[in-house]
PDB file of N, CA and C in Angstrom:
ATOM      1  N   UNK A   1      37.826 -10.153  23.766  1.00  0.00           N
ATOM      2  CA  UNK A   1      36.620  -9.569  23.484  1.00  0.00           C
ATOM      3  C   UNK A   1      36.190  -8.928  22.484  1.00  0.00           C
ATOM      4  N   UNK A   2      37.499  -8.389  21.408  1.00  0.00           N
ATOM      5  CA  UNK A   2      37.602  -7.865  20.251  1.00  0.00           C
ATOM      6  C   UNK A   2      36.756  -8.740  19.251  1.00  0.00           C
ATOM      7  N   UNK A   3      37.051 -10.025  19.364  1.00  0.00           N
ATOM      8  CA  UNK A   3      36.615 -11.059  18.384  1.00  0.00           C
ATOM      9  C   UNK A   3      35.060 -10.867  18.999  1.00  0.00           C
ATOM     10  N   UNK A   4      34.498 -11.094  20.311  1.00  0.00           N
ATOM     11  CA  UNK A   4      33.118 -10.959  20.404  1.00  0.00           C
ATOM     12  C   UNK A   4      32.408  -9.934  19.644  1.00  0.00           C
ATOM     13  N   UNK A   5      33.036  -8.670  19.841  1.00  0.00           N
ATOM     14  CA  UNK A   5      32.207  -7.151  19.290  1.00  0.00           C
ATOM     15  C   UNK A   5      32.420  -7.592  17.708  1.00  0.00           C
ATOM     16  N   UNK A   6      33.555  -8.041  17.221  1.00  0.00           N
ATOM     17  CA  UNK A   6      33.680  -8.194  16.162  1.00  0.00           C
ATOM     18  C   UNK A   6      32.587  -9.273  15.355  1.00  0.00           C
ATOM     19  N   UNK A   7      32.255 -10.266  16.194  1.00  0.00           N
ATOM     20  CA  UNK A   7      31.104 -11.182  15.578  1.00  0.00           C
ATOM     21  C   UNK A   7      29.769 -10.311  15.784  1.00  0.00           C
ATOM     22  N   UNK A   8      29.676  -9.861  17.037  1.00  0.00           N
ATOM     23  CA  UNK A   8      28.328  -8.966  17.082  1.00  0.00           C
ATOM     24  C   UNK A   8      28.164  -8.012  16.003  1.00  0.00           C
ATOM     25  N   UNK A   9      29.283  -7.306  15.553  1.00  0.00           N
ATOM     26  CA  UNK A   9      28.905  -6.544  14.568  1.00  0.00           C
ATOM     27  C   UNK A   9      28.398  -7.155  13.518  1.00  0.00           C
ATOM     28  N   UNK A  10      29.188  -8.115  13.186  1.00  0.00           N
ATOM     29  CA  UNK A  10      28.664  -8.757  12.034  1.00  0.00           C
ATOM     30  C   UNK A  10      27.113  -9.619  12.101  1.00  0.00           C
ATOM     31  N   UNK A  11      26.494  -9.709  13.031  1.00  0.00           N
ATOM     32  CA  UNK A  11      24.954 -10.264  13.407  1.00  0.00           C
ATOM     33  C   UNK A  11      24.366  -9.266  13.550  1.00  0.00           C
ATOM     34  N   UNK A  12      24.560  -8.262  13.987  1.00  0.00           N
ATOM     35  CA  UNK A  12      23.751  -6.956  14.218  1.00  0.00           C
ATOM     36  C   UNK A  12      22.921  -6.740  12.712  1.00  0.00           C
ATOM     37  N   UNK A  13      23.477  -6.321  11.948  1.00  0.00           N
ATOM     38  CA  UNK A  13      22.875  -6.169  10.052  1.00  0.00           C
ATOM     39  C   UNK A  13      22.085  -7.387   9.924  1.00  0.00           C
ATOM     40  N   UNK A  14      22.431  -8.451  10.189  1.00  0.00           N
ATOM     41  CA  UNK A  14      21.715  -9.826   9.921  1.00  0.00           C
ATOM     42  C   UNK A  14      20.216  -9.961  10.488  1.00  0.00           C
ATOM     43  N   UNK A  15      20.248  -9.439  11.762  1.00  0.00           N
ATOM     44  CA  UNK A  15      19.195  -9.330  12.499  1.00  0.00           C
ATOM     45  C   UNK A  15      18.378  -8.199  12.604  1.00  0.00           C
ATOM     46  N   UNK A  16      18.953  -7.011  11.906  1.00  0.00           N
ATOM     47  CA  UNK A  16      18.337  -5.726  11.700  1.00  0.00           C
ATOM     48  C   UNK A  16      17.406  -6.237  10.534  1.00  0.00           C
ATOM     49  N   UNK A  17      17.994  -6.902   9.535  1.00  0.00           N
ATOM     50  CA  UNK A  17      16.961  -7.138   8.167  1.00  0.00           C
ATOM     51  C   UNK A  17      16.081  -7.889   8.424  1.00  0.00           C
ATOM     52  N   UNK A  18      16.460  -8.860   9.249  1.00  0.00           N
ATOM     53  CA  UNK A  18      15.288 -10.220   9.814  1.00  0.00           C
ATOM     54  C   UNK A  18      14.354  -9.674  10.292  1.00  0.00           C
ATOM     55  N   UNK A  19      14.697  -8.784  11.176  1.00  0.00           N
ATOM     56  CA  UNK A  19      13.680  -7.962  12.056  1.00  0.00           C
ATOM     57  C   UNK A  19      12.738  -7.161  10.981  1.00  0.00           C
ATOM     58  N   UNK A  20      13.333  -6.326  10.285  1.00  0.00           N
ATOM     59  CA  UNK A  20      12.355  -5.580   9.356  1.00  0.00           C
ATOM     60  C   UNK A  20      11.509  -6.414   8.307  1.00  0.00           C
ATOM     61  N   UNK A  21      12.328  -7.591   8.262  1.00  0.00           N
ATOM     62  CA  UNK A  21      11.282  -8.640   7.352  1.00  0.00           C
ATOM     63  C   UNK A  21      10.431  -9.318   7.681  1.00  0.00           C
ATOM     64  N   UNK A  22      10.650  -9.251   9.124  1.00  0.00           N
ATOM     65  CA  UNK A  22       9.194 -10.227   9.772  1.00  0.00           C
ATOM     66  C   UNK A  22       8.214  -8.914   9.865  1.00  0.00           C
ATOM     67  N   UNK A  23       8.617  -7.758  10.336  1.00  0.00           N
ATOM     68  CA  UNK A  23       7.747  -6.921  10.602  1.00  0.00           C
ATOM     69  C   UNK A  23       6.976  -6.576   9.143  1.00  0.00           C
ATOM     70  N   UNK A  24       7.345  -6.845   8.269  1.00  0.00           N
ATOM     71  CA  UNK A  24       6.752  -6.281   7.034  1.00  0.00           C
ATOM     72  C   UNK A  24       5.697  -7.236   6.743  1.00  0.00           C
ATOM     73  N   UNK A  25       6.345  -8.424   6.852  1.00  0.00           N
ATOM     74  CA  UNK A  25       5.500  -9.817   6.726  1.00  0.00           C
ATOM     75  C   UNK A  25       4.103  -9.662   7.671  1.00  0.00           C
ATOM     76  N   UNK A  26       4.767  -9.434   8.736  1.00  0.00           N
ATOM     77  CA  UNK A  26       3.266  -9.408   9.731  1.00  0.00           C
ATOM     78  C   UNK A  26       2.281  -8.360   9.082  1.00  0.00           C
ATOM     79  N   UNK A  27       2.991  -7.021   8.475  1.00  0.00           N
ATOM     80  CA  UNK A  27       1.969  -6.216   8.233  1.00  0.00           C
ATOM     81  C   UNK A  27       0.861  -6.468   7.228  1.00  0.00           C
ATOM     82  N   UNK A  28       1.878  -7.345   6.303  1.00  0.00           N
ATOM     83  CA  UNK A  28       1.209  -7.978   5.149  1.00  0.00           C
ATOM     84  C   UNK A  28      -0.095  -8.820   5.372  1.00  0.00           C
ATOM     85  N   UNK A  29       0.476  -9.864   6.189  1.00  0.00           N
ATOM     86  CA  UNK A  29      -0.294 -10.462   6.779  1.00  0.00           C
ATOM     87  C   UNK A  29      -1.889 -10.195   7.317  1.00  0.00           C
ATOM     88  N   UNK A  30      -1.388  -9.195   7.968  1.00  0.00           N
ATOM     89  CA  UNK A  30      -2.657  -8.585   8.890  1.00  0.00           C
ATOM     90  C   UNK A  30      -3.650  -7.896   7.931  1.00  0.00           C
ATOM     91  N   UNK A  31      -2.907  -7.168   7.065  1.00  0.00           N
ATOM     92  CA  UNK A  31      -3.562  -6.305   6.092  1.00  0.00           C
ATOM     93  C   UNK A  31      -4.505  -7.398   5.128  1.00  0.00           C
ATOM     94  N   UNK A  32      -3.967  -8.515   4.711  1.00  0.00           N
ATOM     95  CA  UNK A  32      -4.625  -9.471   3.978  1.00  0.00           C
ATOM     96  C   UNK A  32      -5.802 -10.042   4.606  1.00  0.00           C
ATOM     97  N   UNK A  33      -5.784 -10.438   5.925  1.00  0.00           N
ATOM     98  CA  UNK A  33      -6.660 -10.824   6.981  1.00  0.00           C
ATOM     99  C   UNK A  33      -8.206  -9.662   6.826  1.00  0.00           C
ATOM    100  N   UNK A  34      -7.256  -8.411   7.415  1.00  0.00           N
ATOM    101  CA  UNK A  34      -8.286  -7.611   7.504  1.00  0.00           C
ATOM    102  C   UNK A  34      -9.413  -7.231   6.187  1.00  0.00           C
ATOM    103  N   UNK A  35      -8.571  -7.067   5.159  1.00  0.00           N
ATOM    104  CA  UNK A  35      -9.049  -7.117   3.496  1.00  0.00           C
ATOM    105  C   UNK A  35     -10.349  -8.488   3.490  1.00  0.00           C
ATOM    106  N   UNK A  36      -9.855  -9.747   3.613  1.00  0.00           N
ATOM    107  CA  UNK A  36     -10.441 -10.834   3.596  1.00  0.00           C
ATOM    108  C   UNK A  36     -11.983 -10.378   4.234  1.00  0.00           C
ATOM    109  N   UNK A  37     -11.631 -10.016   5.887  1.00  0.00           N
ATOM    110  CA  UNK A  37     -12.980  -9.861   6.574  1.00  0.00           C
ATOM    111  C   UNK A  37     -13.968  -8.819   5.989  1.00  0.00           C
ATOM    112  N   UNK A  38     -13.300  -7.757   5.557  1.00  0.00           N
ATOM    113  CA  UNK A  38     -14.245  -6.488   4.825  1.00  0.00           C
ATOM    114  C   UNK A  38     -14.692  -7.178   3.856  1.00  0.00           C
ATOM    115  N   UNK A  39     -14.028  -7.900   2.785  1.00  0.00           N
ATOM    116  CA  UNK A  39     -14.950  -8.623   1.720  1.00  0.00           C
ATOM    117  C   UNK A  39     -15.892  -9.504   1.900  1.00  0.00           C
ATOM    118  N   UNK A  40     -15.912 -10.395   3.036  1.00  0.00           N
ATOM    119  CA  UNK A  40     -16.669 -11.344   3.584  1.00  0.00           C
ATOM    120  C   UNK A  40     -17.923 -10.324   4.186  1.00  0.00           C
ATOM    121  N   UNK A  41     -17.904  -9.373   4.688  1.00  0.00           N
ATOM    122  CA  UNK A  41     -18.683  -8.789   5.201  1.00  0.00           C
ATOM    123  C   UNK A  41     -19.571  -7.763   3.960  1.00  0.00           C
ATOM    124  N   UNK A  42     -18.805  -7.360   2.992  1.00  0.00           N
ATOM    125  CA  UNK A  42     -19.687  -6.951   1.987  1.00  0.00           C
ATOM    126  C   UNK A  42     -20.559  -8.039   1.313  1.00  0.00           C
ATOM    127  N   UNK A  43     -19.764  -8.835   0.967  1.00  0.00           N
ATOM    128  CA  UNK A  43     -20.509 -10.133   0.533  1.00  0.00           C
ATOM    129  C   UNK A  43     -21.848 -10.665   1.204  1.00  0.00           C
ATOM    130  N   UNK A  44     -21.746 -10.765   2.319  1.00  0.00           N
ATOM    131  CA  UNK A  44     -22.760 -10.791   3.219  1.00  0.00           C
ATOM    132  C   UNK A  44     -23.946  -9.656   3.301  1.00  0.00           C
ATOM    133  N   UNK A  45     -23.424  -8.668   3.244  1.00  0.00           N
ATOM    134  CA  UNK A  45     -24.443  -7.403   2.946  1.00  0.00           C
ATOM    135  C   UNK A  45     -24.949  -7.467   1.729  1.00  0.00           C
ATOM    136  N   UNK A  46     -24.399  -7.741   0.563  1.00  0.00           N
ATOM    137  CA  UNK A  46     -24.775  -7.937  -0.724  1.00  0.00           C
ATOM    138  C   UNK A  46     -26.086  -8.920  -0.781  1.00  0.00           C
ATOM    139  N   UNK A  47     -25.726 -10.153  -0.417  1.00  0.00           N
ATOM    140  CA  UNK A  47     -26.551 -11.311  -0.257  1.00  0.00           C
ATOM    141  C   UNK A  47     -27.700 -11.219   0.735  1.00  0.00           C
ATOM    142  N   UNK A  48     -27.818 -10.253   1.426  1.00  0.00           N
ATOM    143  CA  UNK A  48     -29.036  -9.914   2.225  1.00  0.00           C
ATOM    144  C   UNK A  48     -29.821  -8.818   1.516  1.00  0.00           C
ATOM    145  N   UNK A  49     -28.990  -7.969   0.958  1.00  0.00           N
ATOM    146  CA  UNK A  49     -29.730  -7.070  -0.168  1.00  0.00           C
ATOM    147  C   UNK A  49     -30.611  -7.755  -1.059  1.00  0.00           C
ATOM    148  N   UNK A  50     -29.781  -8.713  -1.800  1.00  0.00           N
ATOM    149  CA  UNK A  50     -30.557  -9.305  -2.801  1.00  0.00           C
ATOM    150  C   UNK A  50     -31.663 -10.266  -2.583  1.00  0.00           C
ATOM    151  N   UNK A  51     -31.293 -10.912  -1.655  1.00  0.00           N
ATOM    152  CA  UNK A  51     -32.528 -11.547  -0.760  1.00  0.00           C
ATOM    153  C   UNK A  51     -33.939 -10.887  -0.714  1.00  0.00           C
ATOM    154  N   UNK A  52     -33.510  -9.587  -0.155  1.00  0.00           N
ATOM    155  CA  UNK A  52     -34.615  -9.061   0.250  1.00  0.00           C
ATOM    156  C   UNK A  52     -35.186  -8.394  -1.129  1.00  0.00           C
ATOM    157  N   UNK A  53     -34.477  -8.186  -1.992  1.00  0.00           N
ATOM    158  CA  UNK A  53     -35.167  -7.340  -3.436  1.00  0.00           C
ATOM    159  C   UNK A  53     -35.794  -8.899  -3.943  1.00  0.00           C
ATOM    160  N   UNK A  54     -35.344  -9.726  -4.156  1.00  0.00           N
ATOM    161  CA  UNK A  54     -36.036 -10.923  -4.680  1.00  0.00           C
ATOM    162  C   UNK A  54     -37.482 -11.588  -4.328  1.00  0.00           C
ATOM    163  N   UNK A  55     -37.535 -11.220  -2.769  1.00  0.00           N
ATOM    164  CA  UNK A  55     -38.789 -12.061  -2.180  1.00  0.00           C
ATOM    165  C   UNK A  55     -39.674 -10.749  -1.981  1.00  0.00           C
TER     166      UNK A  55
END
């Protein structure tokens, strides 16, 4: 039982760091996707405005 607890104690920090890394990367990917969507919306609005002023 002591061996199991020692192995578990050795794995918990690695799992914790892995979980934190996963959460950080997930947040970064979601932020990037949302920023790209916002930029696409801005570009579409600018294109509509440009078409309206030249016509």
